[in-house]
C-alpha atoms as a PDB file:
ATOM      1  CA  UNK A   1      23.405 -12.867  18.756  1.00  0.00           C
ATOM      2  CA  UNK A   2      21.466 -13.886  15.750  1.00  0.00           C
ATOM      3  CA  UNK A   3      18.357 -11.887  14.830  1.00  0.00           C
ATOM      4  CA  UNK A   4      15.103 -13.431  14.816  1.00  0.00           C
ATOM      5  CA  UNK A   5      13.368 -14.013  11.064  1.00  0.00           C
ATOM      6  CA  UNK A   6      10.063 -11.540  10.853  1.00  0.00           C
ATOM      7  CA  UNK A   7       6.547 -13.160  11.433  1.00  0.00           C
ATOM      8  CA  UNK A   8       5.678 -15.199   8.696  1.00  0.00           C
ATOM      9  CA  UNK A   9       2.278 -16.783   8.600  1.00  0.00           C
ATOM     10  CA  UNK A  10       1.293 -20.046   6.845  1.00  0.00           C
ATOM     11  CA  UNK A  11      -0.273 -20.355   4.009  1.00  0.00           C
ATOM     12  CA  UNK A  12      -4.139 -20.597   4.904  1.00  0.00           C
ATOM     13  CA  UNK A  13      -3.489 -17.805   7.444  1.00  0.00           C
ATOM     14  CA  UNK A  14      -1.981 -15.733   4.563  1.00  0.00           C
ATOM     15  CA  UNK A  15      -5.027 -16.355   2.452  1.00  0.00           C
ATOM     16  CA  UNK A  16      -7.665 -15.500   5.054  1.00  0.00           C
ATOM     17  CA  UNK A  17      -6.064 -12.288   5.608  1.00  0.00           C
ATOM     18  CA  UNK A  18      -5.186 -11.350   2.164  1.00  0.00           C
ATOM     19  CA  UNK A  19      -9.419 -11.375   1.513  1.00  0.00           C
ATOM     20  CA  UNK A  20     -10.653 -10.100   4.527  1.00  0.00           C
ATOM     21  CA  UNK A  21      -9.236  -6.735   3.091  1.00  0.00           C
ATOM     22  CA  UNK A  22     -12.385  -7.062   0.356  1.00  0.00           C
ATOM     23  CA  UNK A  23     -14.998  -6.679   2.315  1.00  0.00           C
ATOM     24  CA  UNK A  24     -14.284  -3.665   4.271  1.00  0.00           C
ATOM     25  CA  UNK A  25     -16.594  -1.241   3.158  1.00  0.00           C
ATOM     26  CA  UNK A  26     -13.997   1.327   3.705  1.00  0.00           C
ATOM     27  CA  UNK A  27     -12.563   0.626   0.462  1.00  0.00           C
ATOM     28  CA  UNK A  28      -9.734   3.096   0.113  1.00  0.00           C
ATOM     29  CA  UNK A  29      -8.044   2.268   3.231  1.00  0.00           C
ATOM     30  CA  UNK A  30      -8.774  -1.913   2.494  1.00  0.00           C
ATOM     31  CA  UNK A  31      -6.970  -0.742  -0.970  1.00  0.00           C
ATOM     32  CA  UNK A  32      -4.023   1.216   1.007  1.00  0.00           C
ATOM     33  CA  UNK A  33      -3.509  -2.213   2.912  1.00  0.00           C
ATOM     34  CA  UNK A  34      -3.347  -4.435  -0.047  1.00  0.00           C
ATOM     35  CA  UNK A  35      -1.185  -2.060  -2.122  1.00  0.00           C
ATOM     36  CA  UNK A  36       1.924  -3.206   0.524  1.00  0.00           C
ATOM     37  CA  UNK A  37       0.743  -6.929   0.387  1.00  0.00           C
ATOM     38  CA  UNK A  38       1.500  -6.967  -3.216  1.00  0.00           C
ATOM     39  CA  UNK A  39       4.829  -4.109  -3.482  1.00  0.00           C
ATOM     40  CA  UNK A  40       6.506  -4.332  -0.032  1.00  0.00           C
ATOM     41  CA  UNK A  41       5.501  -0.624   0.750  1.00  0.00           C
ATOM     42  CA  UNK A  42       6.075   1.221   3.622  1.00  0.00           C
ATOM     43  CA  UNK A  43       3.592   3.143   5.003  1.00  0.00           C
ATOM     44  CA  UNK A  44       4.858   6.566   4.543  1.00  0.00           C
ATOM     45  CA  UNK A  45       5.645   5.679   0.854  1.00  0.00           C
ATOM     46  CA  UNK A  46       2.818   3.931   0.356  1.00  0.00           C
ATOM     47  CA  UNK A  47       0.353   6.867   1.276  1.00  0.00           C
ATOM     48  CA  UNK A  48       3.206   9.381  -0.660  1.00  0.00           C
ATOM     49  CA  UNK A  49       1.838   7.761  -3.909  1.00  0.00           C
ATOM     50  CA  UNK A  50       1.100  10.446  -6.877  1.00  0.00           C
ATOM     51  CA  UNK A  51      -1.292   9.451  -9.163  1.00  0.00           C
ATOM     52  CA  UNK A  52       0.762   9.203 -12.186  1.00  0.00           C
ATOM     53  CA  UNK A  53       2.801   6.446  -9.920  1.00  0.00           C
ATOM     54  CA  UNK A  54       2.443   3.820 -12.552  1.00  0.00           C
ATOM     55  CA  UNK A  55       3.798   3.935 -15.653  1.00  0.00           C
ATOM     56  CA  UNK A  56       4.462   1.608 -18.830  1.00  0.00           C
ATOM     57  CA  UNK A  57       8.234   1.073 -19.583  1.00  0.00           C
ATOM     58  CA  UNK A  58       8.366  -0.577 -23.291  1.00  0.00           C
ATOM     59  CA  UNK A  59       9.031  -4.207 -23.605  1.00  0.00           C
ATOM     60  CA  UNK A  60       9.830  -4.184 -19.166  1.00  0.00           C
ATOM     61  CA  UNK A  61       6.392  -3.695 -18.226  1.00  0.00           C
ATOM     62  CA  UNK A  62       4.412  -2.091 -15.612  1.00  0.00           C
ATOM     63  CA  UNK A  63       6.511  -0.721 -13.159  1.00  0.00           C
ATOM     64  CA  UNK A  64       4.548   1.654  -9.418  1.00  0.00           C
ATOM     65  CA  UNK A  65       7.392   4.353  -9.309  1.00  0.00           C
ATOM     66  CA  UNK A  66       7.912   4.897  -5.255  1.00  0.00           C
ATOM     67  CA  UNK A  67       8.920   8.458  -3.770  1.00  0.00           C
ATOM     68  CA  UNK A  68      11.832   9.317  -2.110  1.00  0.00           C
ATOM     69  CA  UNK A  69      11.259   7.533   1.319  1.00  0.00           C
ATOM     70  CA  UNK A  70      13.065   7.202   4.204  1.00  0.00           C
ATOM     71  CA  UNK A  71      16.397   5.507   2.728  1.00  0.00           C
ATOM     72  CA  UNK A  72      16.121   8.672   0.350  1.00  0.00           C
ATOM     73  CA  UNK A  73      15.565   6.352  -1.957  1.00  0.00           C
ATOM     74  CA  UNK A  74      13.171   6.293  -5.297  1.00  0.00           C
ATOM     75  CA  UNK A  75      12.693   2.921  -7.151  1.00  0.00           C
ATOM     76  CA  UNK A  76      10.877   1.136  -9.778  1.00  0.00           C
ATOM     77  CA  UNK A  77       8.507  -1.896  -8.870  1.00  0.00           C
ATOM     78  CA  UNK A  78       7.653  -4.369 -11.197  1.00  0.00           C
ATOM     79  CA  UNK A  79       3.980  -4.434 -11.343  1.00  0.00           C
ATOM     80  CA  UNK A  80       1.522  -7.865 -12.160  1.00  0.00           C
ATOM     81  CA  UNK A  81      -1.485  -8.017 -14.020  1.00  0.00           C
ATOM     82  CA  UNK A  82      -3.495  -8.273 -10.548  1.00  0.00           C
ATOM     83  CA  UNK A  83      -2.085  -5.392  -8.719  1.00  0.00           C
ATOM     84  CA  UNK A  84      -2.531  -3.290 -11.886  1.00  0.00           C
ATOM     85  CA  UNK A  85      -6.307  -3.638 -11.087  1.00  0.00           C
ATOM     86  CA  UNK A  86      -5.732  -2.883  -8.136  1.00  0.00           C
ATOM     87  CA  UNK A  87      -4.168   0.696  -8.709  1.00  0.00           C
ATOM     88  CA  UNK A  88      -6.906   1.138 -11.146  1.00  0.00           C
ATOM     89  CA  UNK A  89      -9.609   0.429  -8.564  1.00  0.00           C
ATOM     90  CA  UNK A  90      -7.976   3.036  -5.904  1.00  0.00           C
ATOM     91  CA  UNK A  91      -7.806   5.268  -8.526  1.00  0.00           C
ATOM     92  CA  UNK A  92     -11.567   5.256  -9.062  1.00  0.00           C
ATOM     93  CA  UNK A  93     -12.196   5.462  -5.725  1.00  0.00           C
ATOM     94  CA  UNK A  94     -10.061   8.084  -4.513  1.00  0.00           C
ATOM     95  CA  UNK A  95     -11.239  11.106  -4.106  1.00  0.00           C
ATOM     96  CA  UNK A  96     -11.384  13.636  -6.526  1.00  0.00           C
ATOM     97  CA  UNK A  97      -9.809  17.253  -5.336  1.00  0.00           C
ATOM     98  CA  UNK A  98      -7.149  19.991  -6.037  1.00  0.00           C
ATOM     99  CA  UNK A  99      -3.167  19.302  -5.345  1.00  0.00           C
ATOM    100  CA  UNK A 100      -1.779  18.819  -1.658  1.00  0.00           C
ATOM    101  CA  UNK A 101       1.564  20.828  -0.920  1.00  0.00           C
ATOM    102  CA  UNK A 102       4.910  17.503  -0.623  1.00  0.00           C
ATOM    103  CA  UNK A 103       5.584  18.137   2.522  1.00  0.00           C
ATOM    104  CA  UNK A 104       9.185  17.137   1.418  1.00  0.00           C
ATOM    105  CA  UNK A 105      10.038  18.678  -1.736  1.00  0.00           C
ATOM    106  CA  UNK A 106       6.934  22.018  -0.834  1.00  0.00           C
ATOM    107  CA  UNK A 107       5.463  21.314  -4.480  1.00  0.00           C
ATOM    108  CA  UNK A 108       1.758  20.868  -5.407  1.00  0.00           C
ATOM    109  CA  UNK A 109       0.777  17.043  -5.544  1.00  0.00           C
ATOM    110  CA  UNK A 110      -1.819  15.389  -6.538  1.00  0.00           C
ATOM    111  CA  UNK A 111      -1.478  12.088  -4.042  1.00  0.00           C
ATOM    112  CA  UNK A 112      -3.106   8.753  -4.871  1.00  0.00           C
ATOM    113  CA  UNK A 113      -4.852   8.365  -1.996  1.00  0.00           C
ATOM    114  CA  UNK A 114      -6.540  11.158  -0.919  1.00  0.00           C
ATOM    115  CA  UNK A 115     -10.684  10.963   0.209  1.00  0.00           C
ATOM    116  CA  UNK A 116     -12.492  14.437   0.466  1.00  0.00           C
ATOM    117  CA  UNK A 117     -10.518  17.304   0.696  1.00  0.00           C
ATOM    118  CA  UNK A 118      -7.469  15.410   2.927  1.00  0.00           C
ATOM    119  CA  UNK A 119      -4.426  12.093   2.362  1.00  0.00           C
ATOM    120  CA  UNK A 120      -5.371   8.846   3.353  1.00  0.00           C
ATOM    121  CA  UNK A 121      -3.741   8.951   6.894  1.00  0.00           C
ATOM    122  CA  UNK A 122      -1.628   6.193   8.520  1.00  0.00           C
ATOM    123  CA  UNK A 123      -3.818   5.759  11.319  1.00  0.00           C
ATOM    124  CA  UNK A 124      -6.730   5.039   8.836  1.00  0.00           C
ATOM    125  CA  UNK A 125      -4.635   2.023   7.313  1.00  0.00           C
ATOM    126  CA  UNK A 126      -3.219   0.536  10.128  1.00  0.00           C
ATOM    127  CA  UNK A 127      -7.239   0.460  11.762  1.00  0.00           C
ATOM    128  CA  UNK A 128      -8.038  -1.729   9.023  1.00  0.00           C
ATOM    129  CA  UNK A 129      -4.802  -3.906   9.087  1.00  0.00           C
ATOM    130  CA  UNK A 130      -5.749  -4.518  13.049  1.00  0.00           C
ATOM    131  CA  UNK A 131      -9.417  -5.162  11.609  1.00  0.00           C
ATOM    132  CA  UNK A 132      -8.676  -7.467   8.816  1.00  0.00           C
ATOM    133  CA  UNK A 133      -6.244  -9.571  11.413  1.00  0.00           C
ATOM    134  CA  UNK A 134      -9.060  -9.536  13.882  1.00  0.00           C
ATOM    135  CA  UNK A 135     -11.281 -11.028  11.392  1.00  0.00           C
ATOM    136  CA  UNK A 136      -9.397 -13.293  10.099  1.00  0.00           C
ATOM    137  CA  UNK A 137      -7.610 -14.703  12.662  1.00  0.00           C
ATOM    138  CA  UNK A 138      -3.430 -14.143  13.202  1.00  0.00           C
ATOM    139  CA  UNK A 139      -3.818 -11.211  15.485  1.00  0.00           C
ATOM    140  CA  UNK A 140      -1.440  -8.070  16.159  1.00  0.00           C
ATOM    141  CA  UNK A 141      -0.012  -7.281  12.994  1.00  0.00           C
ATOM    142  CA  UNK A 142       1.988  -3.667  11.560  1.00  0.00           C
ATOM    143  CA  UNK A 143       1.870  -2.249   8.763  1.00  0.00           C
ATOM    144  CA  UNK A 144       5.512  -3.401   8.153  1.00  0.00           C
ATOM    145  CA  UNK A 145       5.752  -6.386   8.974  1.00  0.00           C
ATOM    146  CA  UNK A 146       2.986  -6.360   5.131  1.00  0.00           C
ATOM    147  CA  UNK A 147       6.395  -6.078   3.581  1.00  0.00           C
ATOM    148  CA  UNK A 148       8.597  -8.912   5.295  1.00  0.00           C
ATOM    149  CA  UNK A 149       5.115 -10.809   4.309  1.00  0.00           C
ATOM    150  CA  UNK A 150       5.150  -9.411   0.643  1.00  0.00           C
ATOM    151  CA  UNK A 151       9.394 -10.190   0.888  1.00  0.00           C
ATOM    152  CA  UNK A 152       7.936 -14.127   2.159  1.00  0.00           C
ATOM    153  CA  UNK A 153       6.611 -14.204  -0.624  1.00  0.00           C
END
């Protein structure tokens, strides 16, 4: 049986939805929502990013190091200037704090998405996505659909 293609947003709906998080008062969750859009990350990979996730590679540009995730592989995603500016804004917005234990390794880590004393949770990102989708019109979207939207771009 043929499998249906993932949801594709029409260009106008995509443009409206991508601007909606910029109006949010919950900056960290809104910026967390924009990063999968720009890099095709799963929500778990997104929230596991560490503070030192951006790497400059000589003659190859700037890359985002995505930690071991669902597929148990580490990967590098190229960053454009807009996405690099987004990561810089996230770093400026996040709360400073003590390293927390990385769940899969048990080692201390400085996570990118931190707010007072704890990591940003999946529910905060999903709530922000629901708010943005309701405000801009496409209705129900899942955080995983942002991955497919990224792939279609």
